Amino acid sequence: MSKTEMYNNLCLVPPIQIKDELFVESSNIEDSMLGRGLWLNENAYIEGYAGTAILLLDMILISKNNAVKDSYIFVSLFCFRHFLELSMKDTIKHVFSTSWQDIRGHNLKELYKKILEIPNMNEDETTRAIKKMIDTINDYDPSGTAFRYPYSVQNDTGELKTTMRYPPTLIEVRTLKTRLLQLYAFFDGINSMVQYNNN
């Protein structure tokens, strides 16, 4: 959505007032559930981040606006990176009977190493291809902040530094969407298999 489209939507919105509430309880089952509902657990977050990433890529693909294309890509990649992190942590939690609190850090390479320790997880062409994709995402965003923030504060100097480690590059969005869907299928399959075996 471009800035113009945002303002077109604003034309239909009344001015904010002190009596207005952000979250208004609903009895309409078609509305969204905020908080823990009947089926909500870690999977709701995991699926939400993955789905949002793909939806944003679809919006990029149909948009004619370069500002949309060049801004939504960061949000899409943040959402997908976060999906990968949460999905791997959830799998690790189930396989190794640990808690979320015990799985520290945001390094996708380290999380994937732990995934490869799952019994009967054989190294093959697929796992090596997945490792290559994980390494690429982690190299661009090792701490989970590069797609989330434009700058980071340097602890030693206090100066702002760009979070992007590579020069600007045009990327093929259709190929990116395909790769993200392939990653989704791999990690969702592992997570489903692990949860099935634990039940």
C-alpha atoms as a PDB file:
ATOM      1  CA  MET A   1       0.000   0.000   0.000  1.00  0.00           C
ATOM      2  CA  SER A   2       1.488   3.338  -1.007  1.00  0.00           C
ATOM      3  CA  LYS A   3       1.361   6.497   1.094  1.00  0.00           C
ATOM      4  CA  THR A   4      -1.354   7.809  -1.248  1.00  0.00           C
ATOM      5  CA  GLU A   5      -3.423   4.662  -0.710  1.00  0.00           C
ATOM      6  CA  MET A   6      -2.961   4.993   3.049  1.00  0.00           C
ATOM      7  CA  TYR A   7      -4.299   8.540   2.882  1.00  0.00           C
ATOM      8  CA  ASN A   8      -7.186   7.424   0.680  1.00  0.00           C
ATOM      9  CA  ASN A   9      -8.139   5.022   3.476  1.00  0.00           C
ATOM     10  CA  LEU A  10      -7.733   7.810   6.009  1.00  0.00           C
ATOM     11  CA  CYS A  11     -10.464   9.822   4.257  1.00  0.00           C
ATOM     12  CA  LEU A  12     -12.952   7.268   5.611  1.00  0.00           C
ATOM     13  CA  VAL A  13     -11.638   7.333   9.188  1.00  0.00           C
ATOM     14  CA  PRO A  14     -13.046   9.694  11.846  1.00  0.00           C
ATOM     15  CA  PRO A  15     -10.645  11.712  14.028  1.00  0.00           C
ATOM     16  CA  ILE A  16      -9.384   9.867  17.115  1.00  0.00           C
ATOM     17  CA  GLN A  17     -11.006  10.729  20.444  1.00  0.00           C
ATOM     18  CA  ILE A  18     -10.044  10.090  24.065  1.00  0.00           C
ATOM     19  CA  LYS A  19     -13.003   7.698  24.485  1.00  0.00           C
ATOM     20  CA  ASP A  20     -11.747   5.453  21.653  1.00  0.00           C
ATOM     21  CA  GLU A  21     -10.300   2.043  22.551  1.00  0.00           C
ATOM     22  CA  LEU A  22      -7.689   0.126  20.557  1.00  0.00           C
ATOM     23  CA  PHE A  23      -8.998  -3.377  21.298  1.00  0.00           C
ATOM     24  CA  VAL A  24     -12.794  -3.596  21.303  1.00  0.00           C
ATOM     25  CA  GLU A  25     -14.243  -6.938  22.359  1.00  0.00           C
ATOM     26  CA  SER A  26     -16.370  -8.614  19.712  1.00  0.00           C
ATOM     27  CA  SER A  27     -19.016 -11.316  19.695  1.00  0.00           C
ATOM     28  CA  ASN A  28     -18.550 -11.860  15.948  1.00  0.00           C
ATOM     29  CA  ILE A  29     -16.782 -15.186  15.410  1.00  0.00           C
ATOM     30  CA  GLU A  30     -15.469 -13.855  12.083  1.00  0.00           C
ATOM     31  CA  ASP A  31     -13.204 -11.399  13.968  1.00  0.00           C
ATOM     32  CA  SER A  32      -9.665 -12.237  15.102  1.00  0.00           C
ATOM     33  CA  MET A  33      -8.785 -13.818  18.442  1.00  0.00           C
ATOM     34  CA  LEU A  34      -6.141 -11.871  20.351  1.00  0.00           C
ATOM     35  CA  GLY A  35      -4.601 -14.044  23.035  1.00  0.00           C
ATOM     36  CA  ARG A  36      -4.956 -17.736  23.702  1.00  0.00           C
ATOM     37  CA  GLY A  37      -8.081 -19.179  22.144  1.00  0.00           C
ATOM     38  CA  LEU A  38      -9.275 -22.679  21.404  1.00  0.00           C
ATOM     39  CA  TRP A  39      -6.411 -23.609  19.076  1.00  0.00           C
ATOM     40  CA  LEU A  40      -3.907 -20.838  19.728  1.00  0.00           C
ATOM     41  CA  ASN A  41      -0.450 -21.854  20.859  1.00  0.00           C
ATOM     42  CA  GLU A  42       3.022 -21.384  19.401  1.00  0.00           C
ATOM     43  CA  ASN A  43       1.684 -22.596  16.054  1.00  0.00           C
ATOM     44  CA  ALA A  44      -0.549 -19.540  15.649  1.00  0.00           C
ATOM     45  CA  TYR A  45       2.492 -17.281  15.832  1.00  0.00           C
ATOM     46  CA  ILE A  46       4.568 -19.540  13.602  1.00  0.00           C
ATOM     47  CA  GLU A  47       1.858 -19.778  10.919  1.00  0.00           C
ATOM     48  CA  GLY A  48       1.057 -16.061  11.209  1.00  0.00           C
ATOM     49  CA  TYR A  49       4.617 -14.990  10.471  1.00  0.00           C
ATOM     50  CA  ALA A  50       4.970 -17.404   7.543  1.00  0.00           C
ATOM     51  CA  GLY A  51       1.614 -16.471   6.021  1.00  0.00           C
ATOM     52  CA  THR A  52       2.257 -12.750   6.393  1.00  0.00           C
ATOM     53  CA  ALA A  53       5.622 -13.075   4.650  1.00  0.00           C
ATOM     54  CA  ILE A  54       4.049 -14.793   1.641  1.00  0.00           C
ATOM     55  CA  LEU A  55       1.094 -12.379   1.506  1.00  0.00           C
ATOM     56  CA  LEU A  56       3.494  -9.434   1.457  1.00  0.00           C
ATOM     57  CA  LEU A  57       5.494 -11.007  -1.368  1.00  0.00           C
ATOM     58  CA  ASP A  58       2.233 -11.426  -3.297  1.00  0.00           C
ATOM     59  CA  MET A  59       1.491  -7.735  -2.725  1.00  0.00           C
ATOM     60  CA  ILE A  60       4.977  -6.835  -3.967  1.00  0.00           C
ATOM     61  CA  LEU A  61       4.425  -8.934  -7.091  1.00  0.00           C
ATOM     62  CA  ILE A  62       1.167  -7.178  -8.020  1.00  0.00           C
ATOM     63  CA  SER A  63       2.254  -3.672  -7.039  1.00  0.00           C
ATOM     64  CA  LYS A  64       3.391  -1.113  -9.607  1.00  0.00           C
ATOM     65  CA  ASN A  65       4.764   1.123  -6.852  1.00  0.00           C
ATOM     66  CA  ASN A  66       8.512   0.884  -6.203  1.00  0.00           C
ATOM     67  CA  ALA A  67       8.112   2.348  -2.705  1.00  0.00           C
ATOM     68  CA  VAL A  68       5.834  -0.585  -1.854  1.00  0.00           C
ATOM     69  CA  LYS A  69       8.211  -3.077  -3.436  1.00  0.00           C
ATOM     70  CA  ASP A  70      11.264  -1.667  -1.649  1.00  0.00           C
ATOM     71  CA  SER A  71       9.631  -1.306   1.784  1.00  0.00           C
ATOM     72  CA  TYR A  72       7.443  -4.426   2.054  1.00  0.00           C
ATOM     73  CA  ILE A  73      10.423  -6.657   1.273  1.00  0.00           C
ATOM     74  CA  PHE A  74      11.957  -5.883   4.684  1.00  0.00           C
ATOM     75  CA  VAL A  75       8.755  -6.709   6.551  1.00  0.00           C
ATOM     76  CA  SER A  76       8.275  -9.880   4.521  1.00  0.00           C
ATOM     77  CA  LEU A  77      11.824 -11.057   5.209  1.00  0.00           C
ATOM     78  CA  PHE A  78      11.553 -10.139   8.902  1.00  0.00           C
ATOM     79  CA  CYS A  79       8.359 -12.189   9.172  1.00  0.00           C
ATOM     80  CA  PHE A  80       9.856 -15.152   7.354  1.00  0.00           C
ATOM     81  CA  ARG A  81      13.106 -15.056   9.317  1.00  0.00           C
ATOM     82  CA  HIS A  82      11.044 -14.994  12.506  1.00  0.00           C
ATOM     83  CA  PHE A  83       8.964 -17.932  11.232  1.00  0.00           C
ATOM     84  CA  LEU A  84      12.186 -19.896  10.711  1.00  0.00           C
ATOM     85  CA  GLU A  85      13.466 -19.058  14.183  1.00  0.00           C
ATOM     86  CA  LEU A  86      10.184 -19.911  15.947  1.00  0.00           C
ATOM     87  CA  SER A  87       9.624 -23.045  13.882  1.00  0.00           C
ATOM     88  CA  MET A  88      13.097 -24.410  14.617  1.00  0.00           C
ATOM     89  CA  LYS A  89      12.829 -23.528  18.314  1.00  0.00           C
ATOM     90  CA  ASP A  90       9.424 -25.222  18.524  1.00  0.00           C
ATOM     91  CA  THR A  91      10.809 -28.370  16.891  1.00  0.00           C
ATOM     92  CA  ILE A  92      13.846 -28.369  19.190  1.00  0.00           C
ATOM     93  CA  LYS A  93      11.545 -27.935  22.187  1.00  0.00           C
ATOM     94  CA  HIS A  94       9.501 -30.991  21.211  1.00  0.00           C
ATOM     95  CA  VAL A  95      12.399 -33.245  20.189  1.00  0.00           C
ATOM     96  CA  PHE A  96      14.743 -32.526  23.060  1.00  0.00           C
ATOM     97  CA  SER A  97      12.035 -32.066  25.736  1.00  0.00           C
ATOM     98  CA  THR A  98      13.209 -28.609  26.657  1.00  0.00           C
ATOM     99  CA  SER A  99      11.413 -25.325  27.284  1.00  0.00           C
ATOM    100  CA  TRP A 100      11.332 -22.133  25.247  1.00  0.00           C
ATOM    101  CA  GLN A 101      13.426 -20.423  27.927  1.00  0.00           C
ATOM    102  CA  ASP A 102      16.244 -22.940  27.424  1.00  0.00           C
ATOM    103  CA  ILE A 103      16.550 -22.242  23.694  1.00  0.00           C
ATOM    104  CA  ARG A 104      18.496 -19.004  23.566  1.00  0.00           C
ATOM    105  CA  GLY A 105      19.745 -16.840  20.755  1.00  0.00           C
ATOM    106  CA  HIS A 106      18.662 -15.809  17.292  1.00  0.00           C
ATOM    107  CA  ASN A 107      21.377 -17.445  15.208  1.00  0.00           C
ATOM    108  CA  LEU A 108      19.582 -19.504  12.558  1.00  0.00           C
ATOM    109  CA  LYS A 109      22.755 -21.447  11.714  1.00  0.00           C
ATOM    110  CA  GLU A 110      23.044 -22.690  15.304  1.00  0.00           C
ATOM    111  CA  LEU A 111      19.354 -23.584  15.453  1.00  0.00           C
ATOM    112  CA  TYR A 112      19.635 -25.523  12.189  1.00  0.00           C
ATOM    113  CA  LYS A 113      22.663 -27.447  13.526  1.00  0.00           C
ATOM    114  CA  LYS A 114      20.431 -28.562  16.398  1.00  0.00           C
ATOM    115  CA  ILE A 115      17.678 -29.563  13.934  1.00  0.00           C
ATOM    116  CA  LEU A 116      20.206 -31.789  12.156  1.00  0.00           C
ATOM    117  CA  GLU A 117      20.776 -33.603  15.482  1.00  0.00           C
ATOM    118  CA  ILE A 118      17.208 -34.947  15.418  1.00  0.00           C
ATOM    119  CA  PRO A 119      17.319 -38.762  15.362  1.00  0.00           C
ATOM    120  CA  ASN A 120      16.908 -40.174  11.845  1.00  0.00           C
ATOM    121  CA  MET A 121      17.577 -36.748  10.292  1.00  0.00           C
ATOM    122  CA  ASN A 122      19.952 -37.743   7.517  1.00  0.00           C
ATOM    123  CA  GLU A 123      22.156 -35.287   5.728  1.00  0.00           C
ATOM    124  CA  ASP A 124      21.250 -35.326   2.051  1.00  0.00           C
ATOM    125  CA  GLU A 125      20.863 -32.949  -0.870  1.00  0.00           C
ATOM    126  CA  THR A 126      17.710 -31.434   0.648  1.00  0.00           C
ATOM    127  CA  THR A 127      19.240 -30.733   4.056  1.00  0.00           C
ATOM    128  CA  ARG A 128      22.335 -29.262   2.392  1.00  0.00           C
ATOM    129  CA  ALA A 129      20.136 -27.021   0.180  1.00  0.00           C
ATOM    130  CA  ILE A 130      18.179 -25.908   3.256  1.00  0.00           C
ATOM    131  CA  LYS A 131      21.466 -25.175   5.063  1.00  0.00           C
ATOM    132  CA  LYS A 132      22.534 -22.985   2.136  1.00  0.00           C
ATOM    133  CA  MET A 133      19.294 -20.955   2.394  1.00  0.00           C
ATOM    134  CA  ILE A 134      19.572 -20.698   6.200  1.00  0.00           C
ATOM    135  CA  ASP A 135      23.200 -19.561   5.899  1.00  0.00           C
ATOM    136  CA  THR A 136      22.188 -16.868   3.391  1.00  0.00           C
ATOM    137  CA  ILE A 137      19.406 -15.479   5.590  1.00  0.00           C
ATOM    138  CA  ASN A 138      21.596 -15.628   8.688  1.00  0.00           C
ATOM    139  CA  ASP A 139      24.502 -13.909   6.893  1.00  0.00           C
ATOM    140  CA  TYR A 140      22.200 -11.032   5.932  1.00  0.00           C
ATOM    141  CA  ASP A 141      20.603 -10.904   9.373  1.00  0.00           C
ATOM    142  CA  PRO A 142      22.648 -12.720  12.046  1.00  0.00           C
ATOM    143  CA  SER A 143      20.876 -11.247  15.071  1.00  0.00           C
ATOM    144  CA  GLY A 144      17.300 -10.913  13.801  1.00  0.00           C
ATOM    145  CA  THR A 145      17.413  -7.132  13.491  1.00  0.00           C
ATOM    146  CA  ALA A 146      18.566  -6.283   9.937  1.00  0.00           C
ATOM    147  CA  PHE A 147      15.147  -6.761   8.347  1.00  0.00           C
ATOM    148  CA  ARG A 148      13.458  -5.242  11.401  1.00  0.00           C
ATOM    149  CA  TYR A 149      15.391  -2.000  11.953  1.00  0.00           C
ATOM    150  CA  PRO A 150      17.213   0.267   9.473  1.00  0.00           C
ATOM    151  CA  TYR A 151      19.969   1.046  12.018  1.00  0.00           C
ATOM    152  CA  SER A 152      21.539  -0.381  15.142  1.00  0.00           C
ATOM    153  CA  VAL A 153      23.374   1.460  17.904  1.00  0.00           C
ATOM    154  CA  GLN A 154      26.994   0.434  18.297  1.00  0.00           C
ATOM    155  CA  ASN A 155      27.634  -0.468  21.935  1.00  0.00           C
ATOM    156  CA  ASP A 156      31.215   0.758  21.987  1.00  0.00           C
ATOM    157  CA  THR A 157      30.674   4.144  20.286  1.00  0.00           C
ATOM    158  CA  GLY A 158      26.937   4.796  20.525  1.00  0.00           C
ATOM    159  CA  GLU A 159      26.838   5.707  16.820  1.00  0.00           C
ATOM    160  CA  LEU A 160      24.152   4.488  14.436  1.00  0.00           C
ATOM    161  CA  LYS A 161      25.183   1.912  11.877  1.00  0.00           C
ATOM    162  CA  THR A 162      23.109   0.431   9.071  1.00  0.00           C
ATOM    163  CA  THR A 163      21.903  -3.083   9.812  1.00  0.00           C
ATOM    164  CA  MET A 164      22.267  -4.205   6.184  1.00  0.00           C
ATOM    165  CA  ARG A 165      25.617  -5.862   5.646  1.00  0.00           C
ATOM    166  CA  TYR A 166      25.470  -5.994   1.851  1.00  0.00           C
ATOM    167  CA  PRO A 167      25.067  -3.341  -0.864  1.00  0.00           C
ATOM    168  CA  PRO A 168      21.568  -2.768  -2.290  1.00  0.00           C
ATOM    169  CA  THR A 169      20.674  -5.544  -4.735  1.00  0.00           C
ATOM    170  CA  LEU A 170      17.655  -6.116  -6.950  1.00  0.00           C
ATOM    171  CA  ILE A 171      16.289  -9.581  -6.237  1.00  0.00           C
ATOM    172  CA  GLU A 172      13.831 -11.782  -8.124  1.00  0.00           C
ATOM    173  CA  VAL A 173      10.744 -11.747  -5.916  1.00  0.00           C
ATOM    174  CA  ARG A 174       9.130 -14.763  -7.615  1.00  0.00           C
ATOM    175  CA  THR A 175      12.250 -16.831  -6.947  1.00  0.00           C
ATOM    176  CA  LEU A 176      12.345 -15.569  -3.358  1.00  0.00           C
ATOM    177  CA  LYS A 177       8.708 -16.611  -2.863  1.00  0.00           C
ATOM    178  CA  THR A 178       9.480 -20.070  -4.242  1.00  0.00           C
ATOM    179  CA  ARG A 179      12.465 -20.474  -1.894  1.00  0.00           C
ATOM    180  CA  LEU A 180      10.469 -19.301   1.130  1.00  0.00           C
ATOM    181  CA  LEU A 181       7.694 -21.762   0.307  1.00  0.00           C
ATOM    182  CA  GLN A 182      10.280 -24.544  -0.025  1.00  0.00           C
ATOM    183  CA  LEU A 183      11.714 -23.632   3.375  1.00  0.00           C
ATOM    184  CA  TYR A 184       8.203 -23.504   4.823  1.00  0.00           C
ATOM    185  CA  ALA A 185       7.393 -26.980   3.488  1.00  0.00           C
ATOM    186  CA  PHE A 186      10.613 -28.420   4.945  1.00  0.00           C
ATOM    187  CA  PHE A 187      10.264 -26.953   8.447  1.00  0.00           C
ATOM    188  CA  ASP A 188       6.510 -27.410   8.663  1.00  0.00           C
ATOM    189  CA  GLY A 189       6.978 -31.043   7.644  1.00  0.00           C
ATOM    190  CA  ILE A 190       9.620 -31.629  10.319  1.00  0.00           C
ATOM    191  CA  ASN A 191       7.572 -29.852  12.973  1.00  0.00           C
ATOM    192  CA  SER A 192       4.425 -31.826  12.074  1.00  0.00           C
ATOM    193  CA  MET A 193       6.325 -35.124  12.100  1.00  0.00           C
ATOM    194  CA  VAL A 194       7.880 -34.380  15.498  1.00  0.00           C
ATOM    195  CA  GLN A 195       4.582 -33.349  17.055  1.00  0.00           C
ATOM    196  CA  TYR A 196       2.862 -36.438  15.608  1.00  0.00           C
ATOM    197  CA  ASN A 197       5.567 -38.725  17.025  1.00  0.00           C
ATOM    198  CA  ASN A 198       5.264 -37.038  20.443  1.00  0.00           C
ATOM    199  CA  ASN A 199       1.506 -37.736  20.629  1.00  0.00           C
END
